[in-house]
N, C-alpha and C. Protein backbone atom coordinates (compact mmCIF):
# COMPACT_ATOMS: atom_id res chain seq x y z
N MET A 1 -33.60 -2.84 9.14
CA MET A 1 -33.57 -3.89 8.14
C MET A 1 -34.85 -3.81 7.31
N PRO A 2 -34.74 -3.93 5.99
CA PRO A 2 -35.94 -3.86 5.15
C PRO A 2 -36.90 -5.01 5.46
N LYS A 3 -38.19 -4.72 5.28
CA LYS A 3 -39.22 -5.74 5.42
C LYS A 3 -39.92 -5.87 4.08
N TYR A 4 -40.30 -7.09 3.77
CA TYR A 4 -40.93 -7.39 2.49
C TYR A 4 -42.18 -8.23 2.69
N LYS A 5 -43.03 -8.22 1.67
CA LYS A 5 -44.15 -9.14 1.57
C LYS A 5 -43.91 -9.96 0.31
N MET A 6 -43.98 -11.27 0.46
CA MET A 6 -43.89 -12.17 -0.68
C MET A 6 -45.29 -12.70 -0.94
N LEU A 7 -45.83 -12.39 -2.11
CA LEU A 7 -47.16 -12.84 -2.49
C LEU A 7 -47.03 -14.04 -3.41
N VAL A 8 -47.68 -15.14 -3.04
CA VAL A 8 -47.60 -16.37 -3.82
C VAL A 8 -49.01 -16.76 -4.24
N PHE A 9 -49.24 -16.76 -5.54
CA PHE A 9 -50.54 -17.10 -6.11
C PHE A 9 -50.49 -18.54 -6.59
N THR A 10 -51.43 -19.38 -6.11
CA THR A 10 -51.38 -20.81 -6.41
C THR A 10 -52.76 -21.37 -6.70
N ASN A 11 -52.74 -22.58 -7.25
CA ASN A 11 -53.92 -23.42 -7.44
C ASN A 11 -53.54 -24.86 -7.13
N PRO A 12 -54.52 -25.67 -6.76
CA PRO A 12 -54.27 -27.10 -6.72
C PRO A 12 -54.20 -27.61 -8.17
N THR A 13 -53.64 -28.78 -8.36
CA THR A 13 -53.58 -29.36 -9.70
C THR A 13 -54.99 -29.63 -10.20
N LYS A 14 -55.17 -29.53 -11.52
CA LYS A 14 -56.48 -29.83 -12.11
C LYS A 14 -56.81 -31.30 -11.86
N GLY A 15 -57.98 -31.55 -11.36
CA GLY A 15 -58.39 -32.91 -11.06
C GLY A 15 -57.77 -33.46 -9.80
N GLY A 16 -56.95 -32.64 -9.13
CA GLY A 16 -56.30 -33.07 -7.89
C GLY A 16 -57.24 -32.97 -6.71
N ASP A 17 -56.73 -33.30 -5.57
CA ASP A 17 -57.51 -33.28 -4.33
C ASP A 17 -57.32 -31.94 -3.64
N GLU A 18 -58.30 -31.04 -3.77
CA GLU A 18 -58.18 -29.70 -3.21
C GLU A 18 -58.09 -29.72 -1.69
N ALA A 19 -58.78 -30.66 -1.06
CA ALA A 19 -58.72 -30.76 0.40
C ALA A 19 -57.31 -31.13 0.85
N ASN A 20 -56.67 -32.08 0.15
CA ASN A 20 -55.29 -32.45 0.49
C ASN A 20 -54.33 -31.29 0.23
N TYR A 21 -54.55 -30.57 -0.87
CA TYR A 21 -53.74 -29.39 -1.18
C TYR A 21 -53.82 -28.39 -0.04
N ASN A 22 -55.02 -28.06 0.42
CA ASN A 22 -55.18 -27.09 1.51
C ASN A 22 -54.61 -27.60 2.82
N LYS A 23 -54.78 -28.87 3.11
CA LYS A 23 -54.21 -29.46 4.33
C LYS A 23 -52.69 -29.35 4.28
N TRP A 24 -52.08 -29.74 3.15
CA TRP A 24 -50.63 -29.64 3.00
C TRP A 24 -50.19 -28.19 3.16
N TYR A 25 -50.87 -27.26 2.48
CA TYR A 25 -50.45 -25.86 2.51
C TYR A 25 -50.51 -25.30 3.93
N ASN A 26 -51.62 -25.56 4.61
CA ASN A 26 -51.84 -24.99 5.94
C ASN A 26 -51.01 -25.66 7.03
N GLU A 27 -50.89 -26.98 6.96
CA GLU A 27 -50.27 -27.73 8.05
C GLU A 27 -48.81 -28.09 7.82
N GLN A 28 -48.38 -28.13 6.57
CA GLN A 28 -47.00 -28.52 6.25
C GLN A 28 -46.21 -27.36 5.66
N HIS A 29 -46.72 -26.79 4.58
CA HIS A 29 -45.93 -25.83 3.81
C HIS A 29 -45.67 -24.52 4.56
N ILE A 30 -46.72 -23.91 5.08
CA ILE A 30 -46.51 -22.63 5.78
C ILE A 30 -45.58 -22.81 6.98
N PRO A 31 -45.77 -23.82 7.83
CA PRO A 31 -44.80 -24.00 8.92
C PRO A 31 -43.37 -24.24 8.42
N ASP A 32 -43.23 -25.03 7.33
CA ASP A 32 -41.89 -25.25 6.76
C ASP A 32 -41.25 -23.93 6.33
N VAL A 33 -42.00 -23.12 5.60
CA VAL A 33 -41.46 -21.84 5.11
C VAL A 33 -41.09 -20.94 6.29
N CYS A 34 -41.94 -20.89 7.29
CA CYS A 34 -41.71 -19.98 8.42
C CYS A 34 -40.56 -20.42 9.32
N ARG A 35 -40.05 -21.63 9.12
CA ARG A 35 -38.84 -22.06 9.84
C ARG A 35 -37.56 -21.62 9.12
N ILE A 36 -37.70 -21.14 7.90
CA ILE A 36 -36.54 -20.71 7.11
C ILE A 36 -36.17 -19.28 7.51
N GLU A 37 -34.87 -19.06 7.67
CA GLU A 37 -34.38 -17.75 8.10
C GLU A 37 -34.92 -16.63 7.20
N GLY A 38 -35.45 -15.60 7.85
CA GLY A 38 -35.96 -14.44 7.13
C GLY A 38 -37.46 -14.45 6.95
N PHE A 39 -38.10 -15.60 7.08
CA PHE A 39 -39.55 -15.70 6.91
C PHE A 39 -40.19 -15.76 8.29
N THR A 40 -41.00 -14.73 8.60
CA THR A 40 -41.46 -14.56 9.98
C THR A 40 -42.96 -14.76 10.17
N GLY A 41 -43.69 -15.00 9.11
CA GLY A 41 -45.13 -15.21 9.25
C GLY A 41 -45.78 -15.37 7.90
N ALA A 42 -47.04 -15.82 7.92
CA ALA A 42 -47.77 -16.03 6.67
C ALA A 42 -49.26 -16.04 6.94
N GLN A 43 -50.01 -15.74 5.89
CA GLN A 43 -51.46 -15.82 5.95
C GLN A 43 -51.96 -16.19 4.57
N ARG A 44 -53.02 -17.03 4.52
CA ARG A 44 -53.59 -17.46 3.24
C ARG A 44 -54.95 -16.84 3.01
N PHE A 45 -55.28 -16.74 1.71
CA PHE A 45 -56.56 -16.18 1.29
C PHE A 45 -57.11 -17.01 0.13
N LYS A 46 -58.44 -17.04 0.01
CA LYS A 46 -59.09 -17.71 -1.12
C LYS A 46 -59.81 -16.66 -1.95
N ASN A 47 -59.63 -16.73 -3.27
CA ASN A 47 -60.26 -15.81 -4.20
C ASN A 47 -61.78 -16.02 -4.17
N THR A 48 -62.52 -14.93 -4.07
CA THR A 48 -63.98 -15.02 -4.06
C THR A 48 -64.60 -14.59 -5.38
N ILE A 49 -63.77 -14.17 -6.32
CA ILE A 49 -64.22 -13.76 -7.65
C ILE A 49 -63.44 -14.60 -8.65
N ASP A 50 -64.08 -14.96 -9.76
CA ASP A 50 -63.38 -15.76 -10.77
C ASP A 50 -62.06 -15.10 -11.13
N GLY A 51 -61.03 -15.92 -11.20
CA GLY A 51 -59.71 -15.40 -11.54
C GLY A 51 -58.81 -16.52 -12.02
N ILE A 52 -57.58 -16.17 -12.30
CA ILE A 52 -56.61 -17.15 -12.78
C ILE A 52 -56.16 -18.06 -11.65
N THR A 53 -55.96 -17.48 -10.48
CA THR A 53 -55.55 -18.30 -9.33
C THR A 53 -56.60 -18.19 -8.24
N ASN A 54 -56.77 -19.29 -7.53
CA ASN A 54 -57.78 -19.35 -6.47
C ASN A 54 -57.24 -19.04 -5.09
N TYR A 55 -55.93 -19.16 -4.90
CA TYR A 55 -55.36 -19.00 -3.57
C TYR A 55 -54.19 -18.01 -3.58
N LEU A 56 -54.07 -17.29 -2.46
CA LEU A 56 -52.98 -16.35 -2.25
C LEU A 56 -52.40 -16.60 -0.87
N ALA A 57 -51.10 -16.68 -0.79
CA ALA A 57 -50.40 -16.71 0.51
C ALA A 57 -49.52 -15.47 0.55
N ILE A 58 -49.59 -14.75 1.67
CA ILE A 58 -48.74 -13.58 1.86
C ILE A 58 -47.78 -13.89 2.99
N TYR A 59 -46.49 -13.89 2.67
CA TYR A 59 -45.45 -14.20 3.64
C TYR A 59 -44.76 -12.92 4.09
N GLU A 60 -44.46 -12.84 5.36
CA GLU A 60 -43.68 -11.75 5.93
C GLU A 60 -42.21 -12.12 5.79
N VAL A 61 -41.43 -11.24 5.19
CA VAL A 61 -40.00 -11.48 5.01
C VAL A 61 -39.25 -10.35 5.69
N ASP A 62 -38.44 -10.70 6.65
CA ASP A 62 -37.65 -9.73 7.41
C ASP A 62 -36.18 -10.13 7.23
N ALA A 63 -35.56 -9.56 6.20
CA ALA A 63 -34.20 -9.97 5.83
C ALA A 63 -33.49 -8.78 5.19
N PRO A 64 -32.16 -8.72 5.31
CA PRO A 64 -31.43 -7.63 4.68
C PRO A 64 -31.46 -7.71 3.15
N ASP A 65 -31.65 -8.91 2.62
CA ASP A 65 -31.63 -9.12 1.17
C ASP A 65 -32.75 -10.10 0.82
N ALA A 66 -33.85 -9.60 0.28
CA ALA A 66 -35.00 -10.45 -0.05
C ALA A 66 -34.62 -11.51 -1.08
N ALA A 67 -33.83 -11.14 -2.08
CA ALA A 67 -33.46 -12.09 -3.12
C ALA A 67 -32.68 -13.26 -2.53
N ALA A 68 -31.78 -12.99 -1.59
CA ALA A 68 -31.01 -14.06 -0.95
C ALA A 68 -31.91 -14.94 -0.10
N ALA A 69 -32.85 -14.34 0.62
CA ALA A 69 -33.77 -15.12 1.45
C ALA A 69 -34.63 -16.04 0.58
N ILE A 70 -35.09 -15.52 -0.55
CA ILE A 70 -35.93 -16.32 -1.44
C ILE A 70 -35.11 -17.39 -2.14
N ALA A 71 -33.87 -17.10 -2.49
CA ALA A 71 -32.99 -18.12 -3.08
C ALA A 71 -32.76 -19.25 -2.08
N ASN A 72 -32.58 -18.90 -0.81
CA ASN A 72 -32.42 -19.91 0.23
C ASN A 72 -33.69 -20.75 0.35
N LEU A 73 -34.84 -20.11 0.34
CA LEU A 73 -36.12 -20.81 0.39
C LEU A 73 -36.25 -21.77 -0.79
N THR A 74 -35.99 -21.28 -1.98
CA THR A 74 -36.12 -22.09 -3.19
C THR A 74 -35.19 -23.30 -3.16
N SER A 75 -34.00 -23.13 -2.60
CA SER A 75 -33.04 -24.24 -2.55
C SER A 75 -33.53 -25.38 -1.65
N LYS A 76 -34.47 -25.10 -0.77
CA LYS A 76 -34.96 -26.12 0.16
C LYS A 76 -36.20 -26.85 -0.37
N ALA A 77 -36.80 -26.35 -1.45
CA ALA A 77 -38.00 -26.98 -2.00
C ALA A 77 -37.73 -28.43 -2.38
N GLY A 78 -38.60 -29.31 -1.93
CA GLY A 78 -38.47 -30.72 -2.24
C GLY A 78 -37.53 -31.49 -1.32
N THR A 79 -37.00 -30.82 -0.30
CA THR A 79 -36.15 -31.49 0.69
C THR A 79 -36.98 -31.76 1.95
N ASP A 80 -36.35 -32.40 2.93
CA ASP A 80 -37.03 -32.64 4.21
C ASP A 80 -37.37 -31.33 4.92
N GLU A 81 -36.65 -30.26 4.58
CA GLU A 81 -36.92 -28.96 5.21
C GLU A 81 -38.13 -28.26 4.61
N MET A 82 -38.48 -28.61 3.37
CA MET A 82 -39.65 -28.01 2.73
C MET A 82 -40.28 -29.05 1.80
N VAL A 83 -41.10 -29.89 2.42
CA VAL A 83 -41.76 -30.99 1.71
C VAL A 83 -42.78 -30.41 0.73
N MET A 84 -42.77 -30.94 -0.49
CA MET A 84 -43.71 -30.48 -1.51
C MET A 84 -44.79 -31.54 -1.73
N THR A 85 -45.78 -31.22 -2.56
CA THR A 85 -46.86 -32.15 -2.86
C THR A 85 -47.20 -32.11 -4.34
N ASP A 86 -47.69 -33.22 -4.85
CA ASP A 86 -48.15 -33.27 -6.24
C ASP A 86 -49.49 -32.56 -6.41
N ASP A 87 -50.14 -32.20 -5.30
CA ASP A 87 -51.43 -31.50 -5.37
C ASP A 87 -51.28 -30.02 -5.69
N LEU A 88 -50.05 -29.49 -5.72
CA LEU A 88 -49.79 -28.08 -6.05
C LEU A 88 -49.48 -27.96 -7.54
N ASP A 89 -50.18 -27.06 -8.22
CA ASP A 89 -49.90 -26.75 -9.63
C ASP A 89 -48.70 -25.81 -9.68
N VAL A 90 -47.52 -26.38 -9.76
CA VAL A 90 -46.28 -25.60 -9.72
C VAL A 90 -46.17 -24.66 -10.92
N GLU A 91 -46.53 -25.14 -12.10
CA GLU A 91 -46.39 -24.32 -13.31
C GLU A 91 -47.32 -23.11 -13.29
N GLY A 92 -48.44 -23.20 -12.59
CA GLY A 92 -49.37 -22.09 -12.52
C GLY A 92 -49.11 -21.14 -11.37
N THR A 93 -48.06 -21.41 -10.61
CA THR A 93 -47.73 -20.59 -9.44
C THR A 93 -46.97 -19.34 -9.86
N SER A 94 -47.33 -18.21 -9.26
CA SER A 94 -46.55 -16.98 -9.50
C SER A 94 -46.21 -16.33 -8.17
N VAL A 95 -45.04 -15.70 -8.14
CA VAL A 95 -44.51 -15.11 -6.91
C VAL A 95 -44.12 -13.66 -7.20
N MET A 96 -44.50 -12.77 -6.29
CA MET A 96 -44.10 -11.37 -6.37
C MET A 96 -43.62 -10.94 -5.00
N VAL A 97 -42.62 -10.07 -4.97
CA VAL A 97 -42.05 -9.60 -3.71
C VAL A 97 -42.08 -8.08 -3.70
N TYR A 98 -42.57 -7.52 -2.60
CA TYR A 98 -42.68 -6.08 -2.45
C TYR A 98 -41.99 -5.63 -1.17
N GLU A 99 -41.25 -4.54 -1.25
CA GLU A 99 -40.62 -3.95 -0.07
C GLU A 99 -41.60 -2.97 0.58
N GLU A 100 -41.69 -3.03 1.91
CA GLU A 100 -42.55 -2.10 2.64
C GLU A 100 -42.05 -0.67 2.46
N LEU A 101 -42.97 0.23 2.18
CA LEU A 101 -42.63 1.65 2.08
C LEU A 101 -43.12 2.43 3.28
N THR A 102 -44.17 1.95 3.92
CA THR A 102 -44.75 2.64 5.07
C THR A 102 -45.08 1.63 6.16
N GLU A 103 -45.29 2.13 7.33
CA GLU A 103 -45.84 1.30 8.40
C GLU A 103 -47.32 1.08 8.08
N PRO A 104 -47.90 -0.03 8.58
CA PRO A 104 -49.34 -0.24 8.34
C PRO A 104 -50.15 0.91 8.93
N TYR A 105 -51.16 1.31 8.21
CA TYR A 105 -52.08 2.35 8.69
C TYR A 105 -53.21 1.66 9.44
N VAL A 106 -53.51 2.11 10.62
CA VAL A 106 -54.59 1.55 11.41
C VAL A 106 -55.66 2.61 11.59
N ALA A 107 -56.88 2.28 11.22
CA ALA A 107 -58.00 3.25 11.32
C ALA A 107 -58.51 3.32 12.75
């Protein structure tokens, strides 16, 4: 079965509460996403160099059809299965999905 990485670039809302945004993302959003079929793990990162987005989440997607898994995920946004927050800048969010071509290289 193909494996994918879904990269999600986000920011908190301008003037919003960044601490609440991070608490929601770490304690609510990632667990919600990882309960959805096909999503098997996630890790977050903070940008250390000036850029357009300050945060990156990389999700592990293990599904026969990444587009279907992501459509299923999107359909749950704003429901009890995937609670959202006003602290997330939705319009500034971008998502990219990549299919694995190789196994991870370990030095």
